[in-house]
Structures are given as C-alpha cells and as structure tokens.
C-alpha cells in the first residue's frame, strides 16, 4: 500500500542533509545507501542496527505523518496541493538545533522554543488531511498499544496520528531505540559530528516523501521551496 508523508527535510545540497543521510546510512533524495560517518567512538559500533528504524523513513522531521491516499485522490492532486501550500509559506528562522535523547532515541531537536515549527506542523496536519485515507482498525489498535493520553487518543481518531498540535514535538531522528550506554556513546559522537554544522535552522520548504511497499524505504518524491516573501 503506497503511503505519503509531508516532512521537513533540508535541500539535498544542504550540509545538514548530507549529515543526516550519512548518520542513517541512506539518502532518501537519491534512494541510495551511503556510508556511515567516521568517528573514533563509532568504528566498532553496530551502526546498521542502531539506525535501522529511522533509516526506512529517511532523514526528516514529521509534519504530516505517513498516510495512504483517500479514495478518489491520486498522486498528482497531492503534489499540486503541496506545491500550492508551499507557495503560501515564507521561510523562517527556527533557531539552533541540538543533539538530545528523546526517550531511548537520539535526535536533533530545537535548542529553545520554536513556535514557527509548531505552527508549520499544525498547518500541514490540517491542510493535507483531506487527502488521507482513514486509519484502519489494525493501525488504530497498533497505536493504542502505546500509552496514550486522552488527548492523544482524540488526535488518533480525528487526525490519524496521536502526536499532533499540543502533542507535537519537532525532532529529526538519528537512531533507533538504544540502551543507555550505547545512547550516551552515540549521542556524544553525534554532538562531535554535528558541531561544525551547528547554526540556526532556516526552514525554507517542505518535502513530499513516498513509500510504495511496506518493506520499502521512503524516498523524496519532490521538495517544495517556500515562495512567499519573508
């Protein structure tokens, strides 16, 4: 079943994209595997396993989570809508990112509150929901296996995903779940590798990702630059 997602992803020429793709060992813009970064602390680490879970999604931050198309909607309509959406958005400075743990995972997350990111995610959830097929009973049951709050269950039933609006947290995942010692080692290495790139994140577009089969990795279908003057 083909799925789509609206993500924030840096442009393919951006050093941040090269960094994130290298960490995951996969470039979703080209659809190709790439080499892991070289760091002394990681040379004996099982990076293939540590990054397996986020690798299938590509380097990104979720704005509109993966969804199948609603009946009667085809890909060209979704692409056109994404292009129109980007035309109404202006680039903005989201402030710096930092390497941090989110539960058992390691990710890049805002170093300080970034309301512009939350506003963008809220807008994407609402703007693209008309293209989303309702979540199946199996998908809902799978989501309910996690401990969800009442508001997250309401989100799941209304929007197909628990972590939207007040429950949204912008992050760009760099690892799967790791044990505490592995997480500390990986986090320290990521901070070293990310340090030369650390700067304010300028959000200047969104990307439409596509997955054809459940076993496939997502690929970038198209990236849409924001066209409105800042």
C-alpha atoms as a PDB file:
ATOM      1  CA  UNK A   1       0.000   0.000   0.000  1.00  0.00           C
ATOM      2  CA  UNK A   2       1.572   3.264  -1.119  1.00  0.00           C
ATOM      3  CA  UNK A   3       1.953   5.886   1.583  1.00  0.00           C
ATOM      4  CA  UNK A   4       2.926   9.542   1.512  1.00  0.00           C
ATOM      5  CA  UNK A   5       4.165  11.931   4.180  1.00  0.00           C
ATOM      6  CA  UNK A   6       4.847  15.642   4.398  1.00  0.00           C
ATOM      7  CA  UNK A   7       8.173  16.169   6.115  1.00  0.00           C
ATOM      8  CA  UNK A   8      10.629  18.916   6.772  1.00  0.00           C
ATOM      9  CA  UNK A   9      13.834  17.841   5.056  1.00  0.00           C
ATOM     10  CA  UNK A  10      16.779  20.038   4.128  1.00  0.00           C
ATOM     11  CA  UNK A  11      17.519  20.548   0.449  1.00  0.00           C
ATOM     12  CA  UNK A  12      19.756  17.829  -0.996  1.00  0.00           C
ATOM     13  CA  UNK A  13      22.618  20.334  -1.376  1.00  0.00           C
ATOM     14  CA  UNK A  14      22.426  21.361   2.294  1.00  0.00           C
ATOM     15  CA  UNK A  15      25.265  20.039   4.517  1.00  0.00           C
ATOM     16  CA  UNK A  16      22.618  19.166   7.106  1.00  0.00           C
ATOM     17  CA  UNK A  17      21.038  16.750   4.625  1.00  0.00           C
ATOM     18  CA  UNK A  18      24.417  15.134   3.977  1.00  0.00           C
ATOM     19  CA  UNK A  19      24.982  14.814   7.730  1.00  0.00           C
ATOM     20  CA  UNK A  20      21.601  13.240   8.485  1.00  0.00           C
ATOM     21  CA  UNK A  21      21.711  10.915   5.489  1.00  0.00           C
ATOM     22  CA  UNK A  22      25.189   9.734   6.455  1.00  0.00           C
ATOM     23  CA  UNK A  23      24.133   9.064  10.043  1.00  0.00           C
ATOM     24  CA  UNK A  24      21.262   6.894   8.795  1.00  0.00           C
ATOM     25  CA  UNK A  25      23.297   5.329   6.008  1.00  0.00           C
ATOM     26  CA  UNK A  26      20.623   6.236   3.475  1.00  0.00           C
ATOM     27  CA  UNK A  27      19.943   9.200   1.185  1.00  0.00           C
ATOM     28  CA  UNK A  28      16.195   9.449   0.579  1.00  0.00           C
ATOM     29  CA  UNK A  29      16.703  12.019  -2.200  1.00  0.00           C
ATOM     30  CA  UNK A  30      18.664   9.560  -4.343  1.00  0.00           C
ATOM     31  CA  UNK A  31      17.216   6.383  -2.847  1.00  0.00           C
ATOM     32  CA  UNK A  32      20.759   5.070  -2.348  1.00  0.00           C
ATOM     33  CA  UNK A  33      22.651   3.713   0.623  1.00  0.00           C
ATOM     34  CA  UNK A  34      25.542   5.903   1.730  1.00  0.00           C
ATOM     35  CA  UNK A  35      28.478   5.397   4.057  1.00  0.00           C
ATOM     36  CA  UNK A  36      28.159   5.989   7.785  1.00  0.00           C
ATOM     37  CA  UNK A  37      30.154   8.889   9.256  1.00  0.00           C
ATOM     38  CA  UNK A  38      33.644   8.200  10.538  1.00  0.00           C
ATOM     39  CA  UNK A  39      34.107   8.818  14.258  1.00  0.00           C
ATOM     40  CA  UNK A  40      36.589   7.004  16.513  1.00  0.00           C
ATOM     41  CA  UNK A  41      33.911   6.077  19.038  1.00  0.00           C
ATOM     42  CA  UNK A  42      31.687   4.542  16.361  1.00  0.00           C
ATOM     43  CA  UNK A  43      34.139   2.420  14.391  1.00  0.00           C
ATOM     44  CA  UNK A  44      33.224  -0.746  16.271  1.00  0.00           C
ATOM     45  CA  UNK A  45      29.588   0.191  16.812  1.00  0.00           C
ATOM     46  CA  UNK A  46      26.767  -1.723  15.064  1.00  0.00           C
ATOM     47  CA  UNK A  47      25.510   1.354  13.227  1.00  0.00           C
ATOM     48  CA  UNK A  48      23.480  -0.721  10.780  1.00  0.00           C
ATOM     49  CA  UNK A  49      21.339  -1.961  13.664  1.00  0.00           C
ATOM     50  CA  UNK A  50      21.341   1.260  15.658  1.00  0.00           C
ATOM     51  CA  UNK A  51      19.919   3.266  12.746  1.00  0.00           C
ATOM     52  CA  UNK A  52      17.699   0.615  11.133  1.00  0.00           C
ATOM     53  CA  UNK A  53      14.391   2.028  12.359  1.00  0.00           C
ATOM     54  CA  UNK A  54      14.772   5.658  11.198  1.00  0.00           C
ATOM     55  CA  UNK A  55      16.599   4.634   8.016  1.00  0.00           C
ATOM     56  CA  UNK A  56      13.422   3.416   6.349  1.00  0.00           C
ATOM     57  CA  UNK A  57      11.882   6.895   6.701  1.00  0.00           C
ATOM     58  CA  UNK A  58      14.901   8.938   5.599  1.00  0.00           C
ATOM     59  CA  UNK A  59      16.296  11.976   7.385  1.00  0.00           C
ATOM     60  CA  UNK A  60      13.373  14.241   8.245  1.00  0.00           C
ATOM     61  CA  UNK A  61      11.110  15.865  10.782  1.00  0.00           C
ATOM     62  CA  UNK A  62       7.485  14.791  10.601  1.00  0.00           C
ATOM     63  CA  UNK A  63       4.893  17.444   9.729  1.00  0.00           C
ATOM     64  CA  UNK A  64       2.056  15.310   8.315  1.00  0.00           C
ATOM     65  CA  UNK A  65       2.666  11.667   9.279  1.00  0.00           C
ATOM     66  CA  UNK A  66       2.567   8.853   6.700  1.00  0.00           C
ATOM     67  CA  UNK A  67      -0.843   8.202   5.183  1.00  0.00           C
ATOM     68  CA  UNK A  68      -2.476   6.321   2.333  1.00  0.00           C
ATOM     69  CA  UNK A  69      -4.461   8.349  -0.159  1.00  0.00           C
ATOM     70  CA  UNK A  70      -8.193   8.662   0.303  1.00  0.00           C
ATOM     71  CA  UNK A  71     -10.402   7.034  -2.342  1.00  0.00           C
ATOM     72  CA  UNK A  72     -10.591   9.138  -5.482  1.00  0.00           C
ATOM     73  CA  UNK A  73      -7.345  11.031  -4.787  1.00  0.00           C
ATOM     74  CA  UNK A  74      -4.318  10.430  -6.965  1.00  0.00           C
ATOM     75  CA  UNK A  75      -0.703  11.431  -6.536  1.00  0.00           C
ATOM     76  CA  UNK A  76      -0.840  14.350  -8.958  1.00  0.00           C
ATOM     77  CA  UNK A  77      -3.539  16.032  -6.864  1.00  0.00           C
ATOM     78  CA  UNK A  78      -1.450  15.659  -3.710  1.00  0.00           C
ATOM     79  CA  UNK A  79       1.665  17.015  -5.448  1.00  0.00           C
ATOM     80  CA  UNK A  80      -0.281  20.021  -6.716  1.00  0.00           C
ATOM     81  CA  UNK A  81      -1.633  20.692  -3.242  1.00  0.00           C
ATOM     82  CA  UNK A  82       1.849  20.523  -1.727  1.00  0.00           C
ATOM     83  CA  UNK A  83       3.120  22.975  -4.324  1.00  0.00           C
ATOM     84  CA  UNK A  84       0.232  25.341  -3.603  1.00  0.00           C
ATOM     85  CA  UNK A  85       0.789  25.027   0.135  1.00  0.00           C
ATOM     86  CA  UNK A  86       4.483  25.914  -0.195  1.00  0.00           C
ATOM     87  CA  UNK A  87       3.579  28.964  -2.278  1.00  0.00           C
ATOM     88  CA  UNK A  88       1.694  30.375   0.723  1.00  0.00           C
ATOM     89  CA  UNK A  89       4.568  29.878   3.173  1.00  0.00           C
ATOM     90  CA  UNK A  90       7.559  32.114   3.919  1.00  0.00           C
ATOM     91  CA  UNK A  91      10.993  30.898   5.077  1.00  0.00           C
ATOM     92  CA  UNK A  92      11.655  31.415   8.779  1.00  0.00           C
ATOM     93  CA  UNK A  93      14.445  31.100  11.298  1.00  0.00           C
ATOM     94  CA  UNK A  94      13.676  28.264  13.719  1.00  0.00           C
ATOM     95  CA  UNK A  95      16.759  28.784  15.864  1.00  0.00           C
ATOM     96  CA  UNK A  96      19.528  26.269  16.550  1.00  0.00           C
ATOM     97  CA  UNK A  97      19.183  22.529  16.914  1.00  0.00           C
ATOM     98  CA  UNK A  98      20.975  20.298  19.391  1.00  0.00           C
ATOM     99  CA  UNK A  99      21.636  16.588  19.722  1.00  0.00           C
ATOM    100  CA  UNK A 100      19.498  15.160  22.525  1.00  0.00           C
ATOM    101  CA  UNK A 101      17.846  11.974  23.693  1.00  0.00           C
ATOM    102  CA  UNK A 102      14.103  11.606  23.238  1.00  0.00           C
ATOM    103  CA  UNK A 103      13.315   8.607  25.362  1.00  0.00           C
ATOM    104  CA  UNK A 104      15.566   5.821  24.088  1.00  0.00           C
ATOM    105  CA  UNK A 105      16.190   7.568  20.751  1.00  0.00           C
ATOM    106  CA  UNK A 106      18.767  10.174  19.726  1.00  0.00           C
ATOM    107  CA  UNK A 107      17.618  13.108  17.614  1.00  0.00           C
ATOM    108  CA  UNK A 108      18.196  16.696  16.627  1.00  0.00           C
ATOM    109  CA  UNK A 109      15.671  18.922  18.378  1.00  0.00           C
ATOM    110  CA  UNK A 110      15.256  22.677  18.868  1.00  0.00           C
ATOM    111  CA  UNK A 111      17.580  24.150  21.451  1.00  0.00           C
ATOM    112  CA  UNK A 112      14.862  26.603  22.507  1.00  0.00           C
ATOM    113  CA  UNK A 113      11.117  27.002  21.931  1.00  0.00           C
ATOM    114  CA  UNK A 114      10.352  27.330  18.223  1.00  0.00           C
ATOM    115  CA  UNK A 115       6.702  28.305  17.735  1.00  0.00           C
ATOM    116  CA  UNK A 116       7.203  28.640  13.976  1.00  0.00           C
ATOM    117  CA  UNK A 117       7.867  24.907  13.725  1.00  0.00           C
ATOM    118  CA  UNK A 118       4.722  24.063  15.664  1.00  0.00           C
ATOM    119  CA  UNK A 119       2.677  26.425  13.514  1.00  0.00           C
ATOM    120  CA  UNK A 120       4.031  24.839  10.330  1.00  0.00           C
ATOM    121  CA  UNK A 121       3.249  21.332  11.590  1.00  0.00           C
ATOM    122  CA  UNK A 122      -0.267  22.355  12.648  1.00  0.00           C
ATOM    123  CA  UNK A 123      -0.867  23.870   9.205  1.00  0.00           C
ATOM    124  CA  UNK A 124       0.344  20.719   7.439  1.00  0.00           C
ATOM    125  CA  UNK A 125      -1.804  18.425   9.576  1.00  0.00           C
ATOM    126  CA  UNK A 126      -4.889  20.432   8.663  1.00  0.00           C
ATOM    127  CA  UNK A 127      -4.068  21.250   5.023  1.00  0.00           C
ATOM    128  CA  UNK A 128      -3.296  17.690   3.953  1.00  0.00           C
ATOM    129  CA  UNK A 129      -5.842  15.786   5.991  1.00  0.00           C
ATOM    130  CA  UNK A 130      -8.404  15.798   3.173  1.00  0.00           C
ATOM    131  CA  UNK A 131      -6.065  13.571   1.163  1.00  0.00           C
ATOM    132  CA  UNK A 132      -5.665  10.976   3.929  1.00  0.00           C
ATOM    133  CA  UNK A 133      -7.495   7.675   3.964  1.00  0.00           C
ATOM    134  CA  UNK A 134      -8.903   6.908   7.429  1.00  0.00           C
ATOM    135  CA  UNK A 135      -6.667   4.832   9.647  1.00  0.00           C
ATOM    136  CA  UNK A 136      -7.570   1.156   9.617  1.00  0.00           C
ATOM    137  CA  UNK A 137      -8.784  -0.663  12.709  1.00  0.00           C
ATOM    138  CA  UNK A 138      -5.477  -2.541  12.768  1.00  0.00           C
ATOM    139  CA  UNK A 139      -3.494   0.698  12.657  1.00  0.00           C
ATOM    140  CA  UNK A 140      -5.587   2.180  15.468  1.00  0.00           C
ATOM    141  CA  UNK A 141      -5.126  -0.949  17.564  1.00  0.00           C
ATOM    142  CA  UNK A 142      -1.371  -0.843  16.985  1.00  0.00           C
ATOM    143  CA  UNK A 143      -1.196   2.792  18.086  1.00  0.00           C
ATOM    144  CA  UNK A 144      -3.229   2.040  21.203  1.00  0.00           C
ATOM    145  CA  UNK A 145      -0.581  -0.436  22.321  1.00  0.00           C
ATOM    146  CA  UNK A 146       1.475   2.620  23.327  1.00  0.00           C
ATOM    147  CA  UNK A 147       0.471   4.518  26.469  1.00  0.00           C
ATOM    148  CA  UNK A 148      -1.541   7.433  25.051  1.00  0.00           C
ATOM    149  CA  UNK A 149      -3.210  10.294  26.881  1.00  0.00           C
ATOM    150  CA  UNK A 150      -6.904  11.052  26.273  1.00  0.00           C
ATOM    151  CA  UNK A 151      -5.941  13.973  24.010  1.00  0.00           C
ATOM    152  CA  UNK A 152      -3.601  11.747  22.015  1.00  0.00           C
ATOM    153  CA  UNK A 153      -6.374   9.198  21.511  1.00  0.00           C
ATOM    154  CA  UNK A 154      -8.621  12.025  20.304  1.00  0.00           C
ATOM    155  CA  UNK A 155      -5.861  13.063  17.878  1.00  0.00           C
ATOM    156  CA  UNK A 156      -5.549   9.499  16.648  1.00  0.00           C
ATOM    157  CA  UNK A 157      -9.260   9.242  15.944  1.00  0.00           C
ATOM    158  CA  UNK A 158      -9.564  12.674  14.334  1.00  0.00           C
ATOM    159  CA  UNK A 159      -6.225  13.066  12.533  1.00  0.00           C
ATOM    160  CA  UNK A 160      -4.890   9.504  12.264  1.00  0.00           C
ATOM    161  CA  UNK A 161      -1.878  10.175  14.490  1.00  0.00           C
ATOM    162  CA  UNK A 162      -1.533  10.831  18.231  1.00  0.00           C
ATOM    163  CA  UNK A 163       1.299  13.357  18.294  1.00  0.00           C
ATOM    164  CA  UNK A 164      -0.122  16.459  16.646  1.00  0.00           C
ATOM    165  CA  UNK A 165      -0.965  20.000  17.772  1.00  0.00           C
ATOM    166  CA  UNK A 166      -0.240  20.311  21.531  1.00  0.00           C
ATOM    167  CA  UNK A 167       1.402  16.871  21.464  1.00  0.00           C
ATOM    168  CA  UNK A 168       3.743  17.710  18.566  1.00  0.00           C
ATOM    169  CA  UNK A 169       7.487  17.859  19.230  1.00  0.00           C
ATOM    170  CA  UNK A 170       9.759  18.750  16.307  1.00  0.00           C
ATOM    171  CA  UNK A 171      12.688  16.325  16.011  1.00  0.00           C
ATOM    172  CA  UNK A 172      14.917  14.791  13.371  1.00  0.00           C
ATOM    173  CA  UNK A 173      15.606  11.210  14.426  1.00  0.00           C
ATOM    174  CA  UNK A 174      19.185   9.916  14.259  1.00  0.00           C
ATOM    175  CA  UNK A 175      18.866   6.472  15.861  1.00  0.00           C
ATOM    176  CA  UNK A 176      16.518   3.723  16.817  1.00  0.00           C
ATOM    177  CA  UNK A 177      15.974   2.847  20.493  1.00  0.00           C
ATOM    178  CA  UNK A 178      19.316   2.323  22.234  1.00  0.00           C
ATOM    179  CA  UNK A 179      20.393   1.031  25.613  1.00  0.00           C
ATOM    180  CA  UNK A 180      21.610   3.736  27.982  1.00  0.00           C
ATOM    181  CA  UNK A 181      25.347   3.167  27.473  1.00  0.00           C
ATOM    182  CA  UNK A 182      25.003   2.922  23.693  1.00  0.00           C
ATOM    183  CA  UNK A 183      22.799   6.018  23.659  1.00  0.00           C
ATOM    184  CA  UNK A 184      25.402   8.003  25.610  1.00  0.00           C
ATOM    185  CA  UNK A 185      28.189   6.909  23.261  1.00  0.00           C
ATOM    186  CA  UNK A 186      26.146   7.608  20.132  1.00  0.00           C
ATOM    187  CA  UNK A 187      24.955  10.985  21.438  1.00  0.00           C
ATOM    188  CA  UNK A 188      28.481  12.139  22.230  1.00  0.00           C
ATOM    189  CA  UNK A 189      29.682  11.146  18.758  1.00  0.00           C
ATOM    190  CA  UNK A 190      26.720  12.894  17.130  1.00  0.00           C
ATOM    191  CA  UNK A 191      27.476  16.091  19.038  1.00  0.00           C
ATOM    192  CA  UNK A 192      31.048  15.993  17.728  1.00  0.00           C
ATOM    193  CA  UNK A 193      29.927  15.361  14.150  1.00  0.00           C
ATOM    194  CA  UNK A 194      27.148  17.932  14.218  1.00  0.00           C
ATOM    195  CA  UNK A 195      29.205  20.711  15.845  1.00  0.00           C
ATOM    196  CA  UNK A 196      30.735  22.022  12.570  1.00  0.00           C
ATOM    197  CA  UNK A 197      27.204  22.361  11.116  1.00  0.00           C
ATOM    198  CA  UNK A 198      25.546  23.954  14.130  1.00  0.00           C
ATOM    199  CA  UNK A 199      23.691  27.086  13.088  1.00  0.00           C
ATOM    200  CA  UNK A 200      20.193  28.500  13.067  1.00  0.00           C
ATOM    201  CA  UNK A 201      17.836  26.273  11.130  1.00  0.00           C
ATOM    202  CA  UNK A 202      16.202  28.197   8.297  1.00  0.00           C
ATOM    203  CA  UNK A 203      13.044  26.348   7.302  1.00  0.00           C
ATOM    204  CA  UNK A 204      12.546  27.152   3.638  1.00  0.00           C
ATOM    205  CA  UNK A 205      10.466  24.292   2.286  1.00  0.00           C
ATOM    206  CA  UNK A 206       8.664  21.021   2.821  1.00  0.00           C
ATOM    207  CA  UNK A 207       9.118  17.690   1.117  1.00  0.00           C
ATOM    208  CA  UNK A 208       6.674  15.042  -0.024  1.00  0.00           C
ATOM    209  CA  UNK A 209       8.015  11.557   0.691  1.00  0.00           C
ATOM    210  CA  UNK A 210       6.655   8.328  -0.793  1.00  0.00           C
ATOM    211  CA  UNK A 211       6.750   4.648   0.168  1.00  0.00           C
ATOM    212  CA  UNK A 212       5.435   2.154  -2.392  1.00  0.00           C
ATOM    213  CA  UNK A 213       5.561  -1.083  -0.381  1.00  0.00           C
ATOM    214  CA  UNK A 214       5.680  -1.558   3.397  1.00  0.00           C
ATOM    215  CA  UNK A 215       9.157  -3.081   3.104  1.00  0.00           C
ATOM    216  CA  UNK A 216      10.471  -0.154   1.036  1.00  0.00           C
ATOM    217  CA  UNK A 217      12.264   2.873   2.378  1.00  0.00           C
ATOM    218  CA  UNK A 218      10.614   6.247   1.839  1.00  0.00           C
ATOM    219  CA  UNK A 219      12.036   8.381  -0.951  1.00  0.00           C
ATOM    220  CA  UNK A 220      11.733  12.095  -1.648  1.00  0.00           C
ATOM    221  CA  UNK A 221       9.063  12.486  -4.315  1.00  0.00           C
ATOM    222  CA  UNK A 222       9.538  16.263  -4.533  1.00  0.00           C
ATOM    223  CA  UNK A 223      10.699  19.138  -2.342  1.00  0.00           C
ATOM    224  CA  UNK A 224       8.756  22.398  -2.471  1.00  0.00           C
ATOM    225  CA  UNK A 225      10.506  25.666  -1.620  1.00  0.00           C
ATOM    226  CA  UNK A 226       8.525  28.273   0.256  1.00  0.00           C
ATOM    227  CA  UNK A 227       7.658  31.055  -2.197  1.00  0.00           C
ATOM    228  CA  UNK A 228       6.122  33.759  -0.024  1.00  0.00           C
ATOM    229  CA  UNK A 229       8.329  36.725   0.868  1.00  0.00           C
ATOM    230  CA  UNK A 230       9.535  36.663   4.458  1.00  0.00           C
END
